[in-house]
């Protein structure tokens, strides 16, 4: 499990440095794959095999295969496949991620000093906060989708760890909500590309009356 935590932290920091949209989606798929493995390990460690296998399979199908494939299809139709942010925003994202990791460990040591899996909890908090920062600091709708899925991965992993296996109905409901939300976002992003020939959300400011 320690190696999976290290991999998750590395992928989150890598996300803050990536400018190419395709590479960002590949990184997200790798992160989701690591989350799927983490779900399996947590489920098996808690003795709840079904609660380890089901979320792992759902994560692989939805977040590693379906969502990245849909987003990559949109990216393939774009002329510019890079995020239009400055180095300042990129560096700010990386510094913020480092602060989020420190904050995560501080929260765990203060609130849950005797909890098992402190590293996983801290990594989950890192993913949640970094996902929020990507949604705020990045301009391309696709990068904001990446931030949203990163945020959801962190929340789901944290909930799975603290409850030692969510009820099956709750797990299915969570993935259905995420799937619907991302499908809507993908459709809106595709319509934005057709209407404005870009997925840069800053262009929406021109629509103000």
N, C-alpha and C. Protein backbone atom coordinates (compact mmCIF):
# COMPACT_ATOMS: atom_id res chain seq x y z
N UNK A 1 0.83 -1.21 0.00
CA UNK A 1 0.00 0.00 0.00
C UNK A 1 0.87 1.26 0.00
N UNK A 2 2.02 1.19 0.64
CA UNK A 2 2.91 2.36 0.68
C UNK A 2 3.34 2.77 -0.72
N UNK A 3 3.60 1.76 -1.57
CA UNK A 3 4.02 2.08 -2.94
C UNK A 3 2.88 2.73 -3.73
N UNK A 4 1.64 2.31 -3.47
CA UNK A 4 0.51 2.93 -4.14
C UNK A 4 0.32 4.38 -3.70
N UNK A 5 0.54 4.65 -2.42
CA UNK A 5 0.45 6.02 -1.92
C UNK A 5 1.51 6.89 -2.58
N UNK A 6 2.74 6.38 -2.67
CA UNK A 6 3.82 7.13 -3.33
C UNK A 6 3.46 7.39 -4.78
N UNK A 7 2.89 6.37 -5.45
CA UNK A 7 2.50 6.54 -6.86
C UNK A 7 1.41 7.59 -7.00
N UNK A 8 0.42 7.57 -6.13
CA UNK A 8 -0.66 8.55 -6.17
C UNK A 8 -0.13 9.96 -5.97
N UNK A 9 0.73 10.13 -4.98
CA UNK A 9 1.30 11.46 -4.70
C UNK A 9 2.12 11.95 -5.90
N UNK A 10 2.91 11.05 -6.49
CA UNK A 10 3.72 11.41 -7.66
C UNK A 10 2.82 11.85 -8.82
N UNK A 11 1.76 11.09 -9.08
CA UNK A 11 0.87 11.41 -10.20
C UNK A 11 0.14 12.73 -9.98
N UNK A 12 -0.23 13.02 -8.74
CA UNK A 12 -0.90 14.30 -8.44
C UNK A 12 0.05 15.46 -8.70
N UNK A 13 1.30 15.34 -8.24
CA UNK A 13 2.27 16.40 -8.49
C UNK A 13 2.56 16.53 -9.99
N UNK A 14 2.58 15.39 -10.68
CA UNK A 14 2.82 15.43 -12.12
C UNK A 14 1.68 16.15 -12.83
N UNK A 15 0.47 15.97 -12.35
CA UNK A 15 -0.68 16.66 -12.95
C UNK A 15 -0.53 18.17 -12.91
N UNK A 16 0.07 18.69 -11.86
CA UNK A 16 0.21 20.14 -11.73
C UNK A 16 1.22 20.70 -12.72
N UNK A 17 2.06 19.84 -13.31
CA UNK A 17 3.09 20.30 -14.24
C UNK A 17 2.72 20.08 -15.70
N UNK A 18 1.73 19.24 -15.95
CA UNK A 18 1.39 18.86 -17.33
C UNK A 18 0.62 19.97 -18.02
N UNK A 19 1.03 20.30 -19.22
CA UNK A 19 0.35 21.31 -20.04
C UNK A 19 -0.40 20.66 -21.21
N UNK A 20 0.10 19.53 -21.69
CA UNK A 20 -0.51 18.85 -22.83
C UNK A 20 -1.78 18.13 -22.38
N UNK A 21 -2.87 18.33 -23.10
CA UNK A 21 -4.16 17.78 -22.69
C UNK A 21 -4.18 16.25 -22.73
N UNK A 22 -3.58 15.67 -23.77
CA UNK A 22 -3.55 14.21 -23.86
C UNK A 22 -2.78 13.60 -22.71
N UNK A 23 -1.62 14.18 -22.41
CA UNK A 23 -0.81 13.66 -21.31
C UNK A 23 -1.55 13.80 -19.97
N UNK A 24 -2.32 14.88 -19.84
CA UNK A 24 -3.10 15.08 -18.61
C UNK A 24 -4.14 13.97 -18.44
N UNK A 25 -4.78 13.59 -19.54
CA UNK A 25 -5.78 12.52 -19.49
C UNK A 25 -5.11 11.18 -19.20
N UNK A 26 -3.95 10.92 -19.82
CA UNK A 26 -3.23 9.68 -19.54
C UNK A 26 -2.82 9.62 -18.06
N UNK A 27 -2.39 10.74 -17.53
CA UNK A 27 -2.01 10.80 -16.12
C UNK A 27 -3.22 10.54 -15.23
N UNK A 28 -4.38 11.09 -15.61
CA UNK A 28 -5.60 10.85 -14.85
C UNK A 28 -5.99 9.38 -14.87
N UNK A 29 -5.85 8.74 -16.04
CA UNK A 29 -6.16 7.32 -16.15
C UNK A 29 -5.24 6.49 -15.26
N UNK A 30 -3.95 6.86 -15.23
CA UNK A 30 -3.00 6.15 -14.36
C UNK A 30 -3.36 6.36 -12.90
N UNK A 31 -3.75 7.58 -12.55
CA UNK A 31 -4.16 7.86 -11.17
C UNK A 31 -5.38 7.04 -10.79
N UNK A 32 -6.36 6.98 -11.68
CA UNK A 32 -7.57 6.20 -11.42
C UNK A 32 -7.25 4.71 -11.30
N UNK A 33 -6.27 4.25 -12.09
CA UNK A 33 -5.84 2.86 -11.97
C UNK A 33 -5.22 2.58 -10.61
N UNK A 34 -4.43 3.54 -10.11
CA UNK A 34 -3.84 3.40 -8.78
C UNK A 34 -4.92 3.41 -7.70
N UNK A 35 -5.96 4.24 -7.90
CA UNK A 35 -7.08 4.27 -6.96
C UNK A 35 -7.81 2.92 -6.96
N UNK A 36 -7.98 2.33 -8.15
CA UNK A 36 -8.63 1.03 -8.25
C UNK A 36 -7.85 -0.03 -7.47
N UNK A 37 -6.54 -0.02 -7.62
CA UNK A 37 -5.70 -0.97 -6.87
C UNK A 37 -5.80 -0.72 -5.37
N UNK A 38 -5.86 0.56 -4.99
CA UNK A 38 -5.99 0.91 -3.57
C UNK A 38 -7.31 0.40 -3.01
N UNK A 39 -8.39 0.54 -3.79
CA UNK A 39 -9.69 0.03 -3.36
C UNK A 39 -9.63 -1.47 -3.13
N UNK A 40 -8.95 -2.17 -4.03
CA UNK A 40 -8.83 -3.62 -3.90
C UNK A 40 -8.04 -4.00 -2.66
N UNK A 41 -6.93 -3.30 -2.42
CA UNK A 41 -6.09 -3.59 -1.25
C UNK A 41 -6.85 -3.30 0.04
N UNK A 42 -7.54 -2.15 0.10
CA UNK A 42 -8.30 -1.79 1.31
C UNK A 42 -9.40 -2.80 1.57
N UNK A 43 -10.11 -3.20 0.50
CA UNK A 43 -11.19 -4.16 0.66
C UNK A 43 -10.69 -5.51 1.16
N UNK A 44 -9.59 -5.99 0.60
CA UNK A 44 -9.04 -7.27 1.01
C UNK A 44 -8.48 -7.20 2.43
N UNK A 45 -7.88 -6.06 2.78
CA UNK A 45 -7.31 -5.91 4.12
C UNK A 45 -8.39 -5.89 5.20
N UNK A 46 -9.56 -5.34 4.86
CA UNK A 46 -10.65 -5.27 5.82
C UNK A 46 -11.49 -6.55 5.86
N UNK A 47 -11.16 -7.51 4.99
CA UNK A 47 -11.90 -8.77 4.96
C UNK A 47 -13.17 -8.71 4.13
N UNK A 48 -13.45 -7.58 3.51
CA UNK A 48 -14.64 -7.41 2.67
C UNK A 48 -14.22 -7.53 1.21
N UNK A 49 -14.17 -8.77 0.71
CA UNK A 49 -13.68 -9.00 -0.64
C UNK A 49 -14.57 -8.33 -1.68
N UNK A 50 -15.89 -8.44 -1.50
CA UNK A 50 -16.83 -7.87 -2.47
C UNK A 50 -16.70 -6.36 -2.53
N UNK A 51 -16.42 -5.72 -1.37
CA UNK A 51 -16.27 -4.27 -1.32
C UNK A 51 -14.91 -3.82 -1.83
N UNK A 52 -14.03 -4.77 -2.11
CA UNK A 52 -12.76 -4.43 -2.72
C UNK A 52 -12.79 -4.63 -4.22
N UNK A 53 -13.46 -5.70 -4.65
CA UNK A 53 -13.49 -6.04 -6.07
C UNK A 53 -14.43 -5.12 -6.85
N UNK A 54 -15.64 -4.89 -6.32
CA UNK A 54 -16.64 -4.09 -7.04
C UNK A 54 -16.16 -2.67 -7.33
N UNK A 55 -15.70 -1.91 -6.31
CA UNK A 55 -15.24 -0.55 -6.63
C UNK A 55 -14.02 -0.54 -7.54
N UNK A 56 -13.15 -1.55 -7.40
CA UNK A 56 -11.97 -1.61 -8.26
C UNK A 56 -12.37 -1.80 -9.72
N UNK A 57 -13.32 -2.71 -9.96
CA UNK A 57 -13.78 -2.97 -11.33
C UNK A 57 -14.52 -1.75 -11.89
N UNK A 58 -15.38 -1.14 -11.07
CA UNK A 58 -16.12 0.04 -11.52
C UNK A 58 -15.17 1.19 -11.84
N UNK A 59 -14.14 1.37 -11.01
CA UNK A 59 -13.16 2.43 -11.26
C UNK A 59 -12.43 2.20 -12.57
N UNK A 60 -12.06 0.95 -12.82
CA UNK A 60 -11.36 0.62 -14.07
C UNK A 60 -12.25 0.89 -15.28
N UNK A 61 -13.51 0.46 -15.20
CA UNK A 61 -14.41 0.61 -16.34
C UNK A 61 -14.77 2.08 -16.60
N UNK A 62 -15.08 2.81 -15.53
CA UNK A 62 -15.58 4.18 -15.68
C UNK A 62 -14.45 5.19 -15.83
N UNK A 63 -13.47 5.15 -14.91
CA UNK A 63 -12.48 6.21 -14.83
C UNK A 63 -11.17 5.92 -15.56
N UNK A 64 -10.94 4.66 -15.87
CA UNK A 64 -9.70 4.32 -16.58
C UNK A 64 -9.97 4.11 -18.07
N UNK A 65 -11.17 3.62 -18.40
CA UNK A 65 -11.47 3.30 -19.80
C UNK A 65 -12.46 4.28 -20.42
N UNK A 66 -13.68 4.37 -19.85
CA UNK A 66 -14.75 5.13 -20.50
C UNK A 66 -14.47 6.64 -20.54
N UNK A 67 -14.25 7.24 -19.37
CA UNK A 67 -14.07 8.69 -19.31
C UNK A 67 -12.84 9.15 -20.10
N UNK A 68 -11.65 8.55 -19.90
CA UNK A 68 -10.50 8.98 -20.71
C UNK A 68 -10.73 8.82 -22.20
N UNK A 69 -11.40 7.74 -22.61
CA UNK A 69 -11.67 7.54 -24.04
C UNK A 69 -12.55 8.65 -24.60
N UNK A 70 -13.59 9.03 -23.84
CA UNK A 70 -14.49 10.09 -24.29
C UNK A 70 -13.77 11.43 -24.38
N UNK A 71 -12.93 11.72 -23.39
CA UNK A 71 -12.21 13.00 -23.39
C UNK A 71 -11.15 13.03 -24.48
N UNK A 72 -10.46 11.91 -24.68
CA UNK A 72 -9.43 11.86 -25.73
C UNK A 72 -10.05 12.03 -27.12
N UNK A 73 -11.27 11.58 -27.27
CA UNK A 73 -11.95 11.76 -28.56
C UNK A 73 -12.18 13.24 -28.85
N UNK A 74 -12.53 14.00 -27.82
CA UNK A 74 -12.70 15.45 -27.99
C UNK A 74 -11.36 16.11 -28.29
N UNK A 75 -10.33 15.70 -27.55
CA UNK A 75 -9.00 16.29 -27.75
C UNK A 75 -8.51 16.07 -29.18
N UNK A 76 -8.84 14.89 -29.72
CA UNK A 76 -8.41 14.60 -31.09
C UNK A 76 -9.03 15.52 -32.12
N UNK A 77 -10.11 16.21 -31.77
CA UNK A 77 -10.78 17.12 -32.68
C UNK A 77 -10.34 18.57 -32.50
N UNK A 78 -9.43 18.80 -31.55
CA UNK A 78 -8.95 20.16 -31.28
C UNK A 78 -7.71 20.47 -32.10
N UNK A 79 -7.54 21.72 -32.44
CA UNK A 79 -6.32 22.16 -33.13
C UNK A 79 -5.19 22.39 -32.15
N UNK A 80 -5.51 22.91 -30.98
CA UNK A 80 -4.51 23.20 -29.96
C UNK A 80 -4.74 22.24 -28.79
N UNK A 81 -3.76 21.37 -28.53
CA UNK A 81 -3.91 20.36 -27.50
C UNK A 81 -3.09 20.70 -26.25
N UNK A 82 -2.85 21.98 -26.03
CA UNK A 82 -2.10 22.39 -24.85
C UNK A 82 -2.90 23.37 -24.02
N UNK A 83 -2.67 23.33 -22.71
CA UNK A 83 -3.32 24.26 -21.79
C UNK A 83 -2.68 25.64 -21.92
N UNK A 84 -3.49 26.67 -21.98
CA UNK A 84 -2.99 28.03 -22.17
C UNK A 84 -2.86 28.74 -20.82
N UNK A 85 -1.93 28.27 -19.98
CA UNK A 85 -1.67 28.92 -18.70
C UNK A 85 -0.22 29.33 -18.65
N UNK A 86 0.08 30.29 -17.79
CA UNK A 86 1.44 30.77 -17.65
C UNK A 86 2.22 29.87 -16.71
N UNK A 87 3.55 30.02 -16.73
CA UNK A 87 4.39 29.26 -15.81
C UNK A 87 4.08 29.59 -14.36
N UNK A 88 3.59 30.81 -14.14
CA UNK A 88 3.24 31.21 -12.76
C UNK A 88 2.11 30.34 -12.23
N UNK A 89 1.08 30.13 -13.06
CA UNK A 89 -0.02 29.27 -12.63
C UNK A 89 0.44 27.83 -12.41
N UNK A 90 1.32 27.36 -13.29
CA UNK A 90 1.82 25.99 -13.15
C UNK A 90 2.63 25.83 -11.87
N UNK A 91 3.52 26.77 -11.63
CA UNK A 91 4.33 26.72 -10.40
C UNK A 91 3.45 26.88 -9.16
N UNK A 92 2.44 27.72 -9.27
CA UNK A 92 1.53 27.92 -8.14
C UNK A 92 0.78 26.63 -7.83
N UNK A 93 0.40 25.90 -8.87
CA UNK A 93 -0.29 24.62 -8.67
C UNK A 93 0.61 23.62 -7.96
N UNK A 94 1.88 23.57 -8.35
CA UNK A 94 2.81 22.64 -7.73
C UNK A 94 3.09 23.00 -6.28
N UNK A 95 3.31 24.29 -6.02
CA UNK A 95 3.55 24.74 -4.64
C UNK A 95 2.31 24.48 -3.79
N UNK A 96 1.14 24.74 -4.36
CA UNK A 96 -0.10 24.50 -3.63
C UNK A 96 -0.25 23.02 -3.29
N UNK A 97 0.12 22.14 -4.23
CA UNK A 97 0.03 20.70 -3.97
C UNK A 97 0.94 20.30 -2.82
N UNK A 98 2.14 20.88 -2.77
CA UNK A 98 3.06 20.57 -1.66
C UNK A 98 2.46 21.03 -0.33
N UNK A 99 1.85 22.20 -0.33
CA UNK A 99 1.21 22.70 0.90
C UNK A 99 0.01 21.83 1.28
N UNK A 100 -0.73 21.35 0.30
CA UNK A 100 -1.87 20.49 0.57
C UNK A 100 -1.43 19.18 1.22
N UNK A 101 -0.28 18.65 0.75
CA UNK A 101 0.23 17.41 1.33
C UNK A 101 0.62 17.61 2.79
N UNK A 102 1.30 18.72 3.07
CA UNK A 102 1.65 19.04 4.45
C UNK A 102 0.39 19.24 5.29
N UNK A 103 -0.58 19.94 4.72
CA UNK A 103 -1.85 20.17 5.42
C UNK A 103 -2.56 18.85 5.71
N UNK A 104 -2.51 17.93 4.76
CA UNK A 104 -3.14 16.63 4.94
C UNK A 104 -2.56 15.88 6.13
N UNK A 105 -1.25 15.85 6.23
CA UNK A 105 -0.60 15.17 7.36
C UNK A 105 -0.90 15.90 8.67
N UNK A 106 -0.96 17.23 8.62
CA UNK A 106 -1.26 18.00 9.83
C UNK A 106 -2.67 17.69 10.33
N UNK A 107 -3.62 17.61 9.40
CA UNK A 107 -5.00 17.30 9.78
C UNK A 107 -5.11 15.89 10.36
N UNK A 108 -4.44 14.95 9.72
CA UNK A 108 -4.50 13.56 10.19
C UNK A 108 -3.90 13.44 11.58
N UNK A 109 -2.74 14.06 11.78
CA UNK A 109 -2.07 13.96 13.09
C UNK A 109 -2.86 14.67 14.19
N UNK A 110 -3.63 15.69 13.80
CA UNK A 110 -4.39 16.45 14.80
C UNK A 110 -5.73 15.79 15.12
N UNK A 111 -6.44 15.34 14.09
CA UNK A 111 -7.79 14.81 14.28
C UNK A 111 -7.79 13.29 14.49
N UNK A 112 -6.96 12.59 13.72
CA UNK A 112 -6.93 11.13 13.79
C UNK A 112 -5.53 10.64 14.10
N UNK A 113 -5.02 10.94 15.29
CA UNK A 113 -3.63 10.57 15.61
C UNK A 113 -3.38 9.07 15.65
N UNK A 114 -4.41 8.29 15.97
CA UNK A 114 -4.24 6.84 16.09
C UNK A 114 -4.86 6.07 14.93
N UNK A 115 -5.24 6.77 13.90
CA UNK A 115 -5.90 6.12 12.77
C UNK A 115 -4.91 5.32 11.93
N UNK A 116 -5.40 4.19 11.40
CA UNK A 116 -4.57 3.41 10.49
C UNK A 116 -4.65 4.02 9.09
N UNK A 117 -3.57 3.88 8.35
CA UNK A 117 -3.57 4.40 6.98
C UNK A 117 -3.47 5.91 6.90
N UNK A 118 -2.63 6.50 7.75
CA UNK A 118 -2.48 7.96 7.74
C UNK A 118 -2.00 8.46 6.38
N UNK A 119 -1.09 7.70 5.76
CA UNK A 119 -0.55 8.13 4.48
C UNK A 119 -1.64 8.18 3.41
N UNK A 120 -2.55 7.20 3.44
CA UNK A 120 -3.63 7.17 2.45
C UNK A 120 -4.58 8.35 2.66
N UNK A 121 -4.88 8.65 3.92
CA UNK A 121 -5.76 9.78 4.22
C UNK A 121 -5.13 11.09 3.75
N UNK A 122 -3.83 11.26 4.04
CA UNK A 122 -3.13 12.48 3.61
C UNK A 122 -3.11 12.58 2.08
N UNK A 123 -2.88 11.44 1.40
CA UNK A 123 -2.88 11.44 -0.06
C UNK A 123 -4.27 11.78 -0.60
N UNK A 124 -5.32 11.31 0.08
CA UNK A 124 -6.69 11.61 -0.34
C UNK A 124 -6.97 13.10 -0.23
N UNK A 125 -6.55 13.70 0.88
CA UNK A 125 -6.73 15.14 1.06
C UNK A 125 -5.95 15.91 -0.01
N UNK A 126 -4.75 15.44 -0.33
CA UNK A 126 -3.96 16.05 -1.40
C UNK A 126 -4.71 16.02 -2.72
N UNK A 127 -5.31 14.88 -3.05
CA UNK A 127 -6.05 14.74 -4.30
C UNK A 127 -7.27 15.66 -4.33
N UNK A 128 -7.97 15.74 -3.20
CA UNK A 128 -9.16 16.60 -3.13
C UNK A 128 -8.80 18.06 -3.36
N UNK A 129 -7.81 18.54 -2.62
CA UNK A 129 -7.45 19.95 -2.72
C UNK A 129 -6.79 20.29 -4.06
N UNK A 130 -5.96 19.37 -4.58
CA UNK A 130 -5.32 19.62 -5.87
C UNK A 130 -6.35 19.62 -6.99
N UNK A 131 -7.34 18.73 -6.89
CA UNK A 131 -8.41 18.73 -7.88
C UNK A 131 -9.15 20.06 -7.90
N UNK A 132 -9.42 20.61 -6.72
CA UNK A 132 -10.07 21.92 -6.64
C UNK A 132 -9.20 23.01 -7.27
N UNK A 133 -7.89 22.98 -6.97
CA UNK A 133 -7.00 24.01 -7.51
C UNK A 133 -6.90 23.93 -9.03
N UNK A 134 -6.91 22.70 -9.58
CA UNK A 134 -6.86 22.56 -11.04
C UNK A 134 -8.13 23.12 -11.68
N UNK A 135 -9.25 22.92 -11.03
CA UNK A 135 -10.50 23.45 -11.57
C UNK A 135 -10.52 24.97 -11.55
N UNK A 136 -9.83 25.57 -10.59
CA UNK A 136 -9.83 27.03 -10.45
C UNK A 136 -8.75 27.67 -11.33
N UNK A 137 -7.55 27.09 -11.35
CA UNK A 137 -6.41 27.73 -11.99
C UNK A 137 -6.31 27.44 -13.49
N UNK A 138 -6.89 26.34 -13.95
CA UNK A 138 -6.78 25.99 -15.36
C UNK A 138 -7.96 26.54 -16.15
N UNK A 139 -7.72 26.89 -17.41
CA UNK A 139 -8.75 27.53 -18.23
C UNK A 139 -9.46 26.57 -19.17
N UNK A 140 -8.77 25.53 -19.60
CA UNK A 140 -9.38 24.61 -20.55
C UNK A 140 -10.39 23.71 -19.84
N UNK A 141 -11.54 23.52 -20.46
CA UNK A 141 -12.61 22.71 -19.86
C UNK A 141 -12.14 21.28 -19.60
N UNK A 142 -11.29 20.77 -20.47
CA UNK A 142 -10.80 19.40 -20.31
C UNK A 142 -9.94 19.28 -19.06
N UNK A 143 -9.10 20.28 -18.81
CA UNK A 143 -8.28 20.26 -17.60
C UNK A 143 -9.15 20.38 -16.36
N UNK A 144 -10.25 21.09 -16.48
CA UNK A 144 -11.16 21.21 -15.34
C UNK A 144 -11.88 19.89 -15.08
N UNK A 145 -12.17 19.13 -16.14
CA UNK A 145 -12.73 17.79 -15.98
C UNK A 145 -11.72 16.89 -15.27
N UNK A 146 -10.45 17.01 -15.66
CA UNK A 146 -9.38 16.25 -14.99
C UNK A 146 -9.34 16.58 -13.50
N UNK A 147 -9.47 17.88 -13.19
CA UNK A 147 -9.49 18.30 -11.79
C UNK A 147 -10.68 17.74 -11.05
N UNK A 148 -11.84 17.70 -11.71
CA UNK A 148 -13.05 17.17 -11.08
C UNK A 148 -12.90 15.69 -10.75
N UNK A 149 -12.38 14.90 -11.69
CA UNK A 149 -12.20 13.48 -11.45
C UNK A 149 -11.15 13.24 -10.37
N UNK A 150 -10.10 14.06 -10.35
CA UNK A 150 -9.10 13.95 -9.28
C UNK A 150 -9.72 14.22 -7.92
N UNK A 151 -10.56 15.25 -7.86
CA UNK A 151 -11.28 15.57 -6.64
C UNK A 151 -12.15 14.40 -6.20
N UNK A 152 -12.90 13.82 -7.14
CA UNK A 152 -13.80 12.71 -6.81
C UNK A 152 -13.01 11.47 -6.39
N UNK A 153 -11.86 11.23 -7.04
CA UNK A 153 -11.01 10.10 -6.65
C UNK A 153 -10.57 10.23 -5.19
N UNK A 154 -10.19 11.44 -4.80
CA UNK A 154 -9.75 11.67 -3.42
C UNK A 154 -10.88 11.46 -2.42
N UNK A 155 -12.07 11.99 -2.75
CA UNK A 155 -13.22 11.84 -1.85
C UNK A 155 -13.61 10.37 -1.72
N UNK A 156 -13.62 9.67 -2.84
CA UNK A 156 -14.03 8.27 -2.82
C UNK A 156 -13.03 7.42 -2.04
N UNK A 157 -11.74 7.64 -2.27
CA UNK A 157 -10.72 6.87 -1.57
C UNK A 157 -10.76 7.15 -0.07
N UNK A 158 -10.98 8.40 0.29
CA UNK A 158 -11.08 8.77 1.71
C UNK A 158 -12.29 8.11 2.37
N UNK A 159 -13.43 8.15 1.70
CA UNK A 159 -14.63 7.53 2.24
C UNK A 159 -14.48 6.03 2.36
N UNK A 160 -13.85 5.41 1.37
CA UNK A 160 -13.65 3.97 1.40
C UNK A 160 -12.74 3.56 2.54
N UNK A 161 -11.72 4.36 2.81
CA UNK A 161 -10.77 4.03 3.87
C UNK A 161 -11.40 4.20 5.25
N UNK A 162 -12.11 5.30 5.45
CA UNK A 162 -12.68 5.59 6.77
C UNK A 162 -13.82 4.65 7.13
N UNK A 163 -14.55 4.17 6.12
CA UNK A 163 -15.69 3.28 6.40
C UNK A 163 -15.33 1.81 6.23
N UNK A 164 -14.11 1.54 5.75
CA UNK A 164 -13.65 0.18 5.50
C UNK A 164 -14.62 -0.58 4.59
N UNK A 165 -15.07 0.10 3.55
CA UNK A 165 -15.95 -0.51 2.57
C UNK A 165 -17.35 0.06 2.62
N UNK A 166 -17.67 0.87 1.61
CA UNK A 166 -19.01 1.45 1.54
C UNK A 166 -20.02 0.39 1.14
N UNK A 167 -21.30 0.56 1.54
CA UNK A 167 -22.34 -0.36 1.07
C UNK A 167 -22.38 -0.38 -0.45
N UNK A 168 -22.72 -1.53 -1.02
CA UNK A 168 -22.69 -1.70 -2.47
C UNK A 168 -23.60 -0.71 -3.18
N UNK A 169 -24.78 -0.45 -2.60
CA UNK A 169 -25.73 0.49 -3.21
C UNK A 169 -25.12 1.89 -3.26
N UNK A 170 -24.42 2.29 -2.21
CA UNK A 170 -23.77 3.60 -2.17
C UNK A 170 -22.68 3.69 -3.22
N UNK A 171 -21.89 2.62 -3.36
CA UNK A 171 -20.82 2.61 -4.36
C UNK A 171 -21.38 2.76 -5.77
N UNK A 172 -22.45 2.02 -6.06
CA UNK A 172 -23.07 2.12 -7.38
C UNK A 172 -23.65 3.51 -7.61
N UNK A 173 -24.25 4.08 -6.57
CA UNK A 173 -24.82 5.42 -6.69
C UNK A 173 -23.76 6.48 -6.95
N UNK A 174 -22.62 6.37 -6.26
CA UNK A 174 -21.52 7.32 -6.44
C UNK A 174 -21.01 7.27 -7.87
N UNK A 175 -20.78 6.08 -8.39
CA UNK A 175 -20.25 5.96 -9.74
C UNK A 175 -21.26 6.41 -10.78
N UNK A 176 -22.54 6.18 -10.52
CA UNK A 176 -23.57 6.64 -11.45
C UNK A 176 -23.62 8.16 -11.49
N UNK A 177 -23.53 8.80 -10.33
CA UNK A 177 -23.51 10.26 -10.27
C UNK A 177 -22.32 10.83 -11.02
N UNK A 178 -21.16 10.26 -10.77
CA UNK A 178 -19.94 10.73 -11.44
C UNK A 178 -20.04 10.54 -12.94
N UNK A 179 -20.55 9.38 -13.35
CA UNK A 179 -20.67 9.08 -14.78
C UNK A 179 -21.59 10.06 -15.47
N UNK A 180 -22.74 10.34 -14.85
CA UNK A 180 -23.69 11.28 -15.44
C UNK A 180 -23.08 12.68 -15.52
N UNK A 181 -22.42 13.10 -14.43
CA UNK A 181 -21.82 14.44 -14.40
C UNK A 181 -20.77 14.59 -15.50
N UNK A 182 -19.92 13.58 -15.65
CA UNK A 182 -18.86 13.67 -16.66
C UNK A 182 -19.43 13.61 -18.06
N UNK A 183 -20.45 12.79 -18.28
CA UNK A 183 -21.08 12.74 -19.60
C UNK A 183 -21.65 14.11 -19.98
N UNK A 184 -22.31 14.76 -19.02
CA UNK A 184 -22.85 16.11 -19.27
C UNK A 184 -21.71 17.08 -19.59
N UNK A 185 -20.62 17.02 -18.81
CA UNK A 185 -19.49 17.91 -19.05
C UNK A 185 -18.84 17.66 -20.40
N UNK A 186 -18.74 16.39 -20.79
CA UNK A 186 -18.16 16.06 -22.09
C UNK A 186 -19.03 16.60 -23.22
N UNK A 187 -20.34 16.48 -23.07
CA UNK A 187 -21.26 17.02 -24.09
C UNK A 187 -21.14 18.53 -24.18
N UNK A 188 -21.11 19.21 -23.02
CA UNK A 188 -20.97 20.66 -23.01
C UNK A 188 -19.64 21.10 -23.61
N UNK A 189 -18.57 20.35 -23.29
CA UNK A 189 -17.26 20.67 -23.85
C UNK A 189 -17.25 20.51 -25.36
N UNK A 190 -17.90 19.45 -25.83
CA UNK A 190 -17.99 19.22 -27.27
C UNK A 190 -18.78 20.33 -27.96
N UNK A 191 -19.87 20.79 -27.33
CA UNK A 191 -20.65 21.88 -27.90
C UNK A 191 -19.85 23.18 -27.89
N UNK A 192 -19.05 23.39 -26.84
CA UNK A 192 -18.21 24.57 -26.78
C UNK A 192 -17.19 24.57 -27.91
N UNK A 193 -16.64 23.38 -28.18
CA UNK A 193 -15.66 23.28 -29.27
C UNK A 193 -16.31 23.60 -30.61
N UNK A 194 -17.53 23.11 -30.82
CA UNK A 194 -18.21 23.36 -32.09
C UNK A 194 -18.59 24.82 -32.23
N UNK A 195 -18.97 25.47 -31.13
CA UNK A 195 -19.45 26.86 -31.20
C UNK A 195 -18.31 27.87 -31.25
N UNK A 196 -17.23 27.61 -30.47
CA UNK A 196 -16.16 28.60 -30.33
C UNK A 196 -14.82 28.11 -30.88
N UNK A 197 -14.77 26.85 -31.36
CA UNK A 197 -13.53 26.25 -31.89
C UNK A 197 -12.42 26.20 -30.84
N UNK A 198 -12.81 26.15 -29.57
CA UNK A 198 -11.85 26.05 -28.48
C UNK A 198 -12.58 25.53 -27.25
N UNK A 199 -11.81 25.03 -26.29
CA UNK A 199 -12.40 24.61 -25.01
C UNK A 199 -11.91 25.50 -23.88
N UNK A 200 -11.41 26.66 -24.23
CA UNK A 200 -10.95 27.63 -23.23
C UNK A 200 -12.17 28.31 -22.61
N UNK A 201 -12.41 28.07 -21.32
CA UNK A 201 -13.61 28.61 -20.67
C UNK A 201 -13.57 30.12 -20.49
N UNK A 202 -12.38 30.72 -20.62
CA UNK A 202 -12.30 32.17 -20.47
C UNK A 202 -13.03 32.91 -21.58
N UNK A 203 -13.25 32.21 -22.69
CA UNK A 203 -13.98 32.85 -23.81
C UNK A 203 -15.44 33.08 -23.43
N UNK A 204 -15.92 32.36 -22.43
CA UNK A 204 -17.31 32.53 -22.02
C UNK A 204 -17.58 33.92 -21.44
N UNK A 205 -16.50 34.60 -21.00
CA UNK A 205 -16.67 35.95 -20.48
C UNK A 205 -17.20 36.91 -21.55
N UNK A 206 -16.94 36.58 -22.82
CA UNK A 206 -17.39 37.45 -23.90
C UNK A 206 -18.90 37.39 -24.10
N UNK A 207 -19.54 36.41 -23.45
CA UNK A 207 -20.98 36.27 -23.60
C UNK A 207 -21.75 37.15 -22.62
N UNK A 208 -21.02 37.82 -21.73
CA UNK A 208 -21.70 38.69 -20.76
C UNK A 208 -22.37 39.85 -21.48
N UNK A 209 -23.58 40.18 -21.01
CA UNK A 209 -24.31 41.28 -21.63
C UNK A 209 -23.83 42.63 -21.15
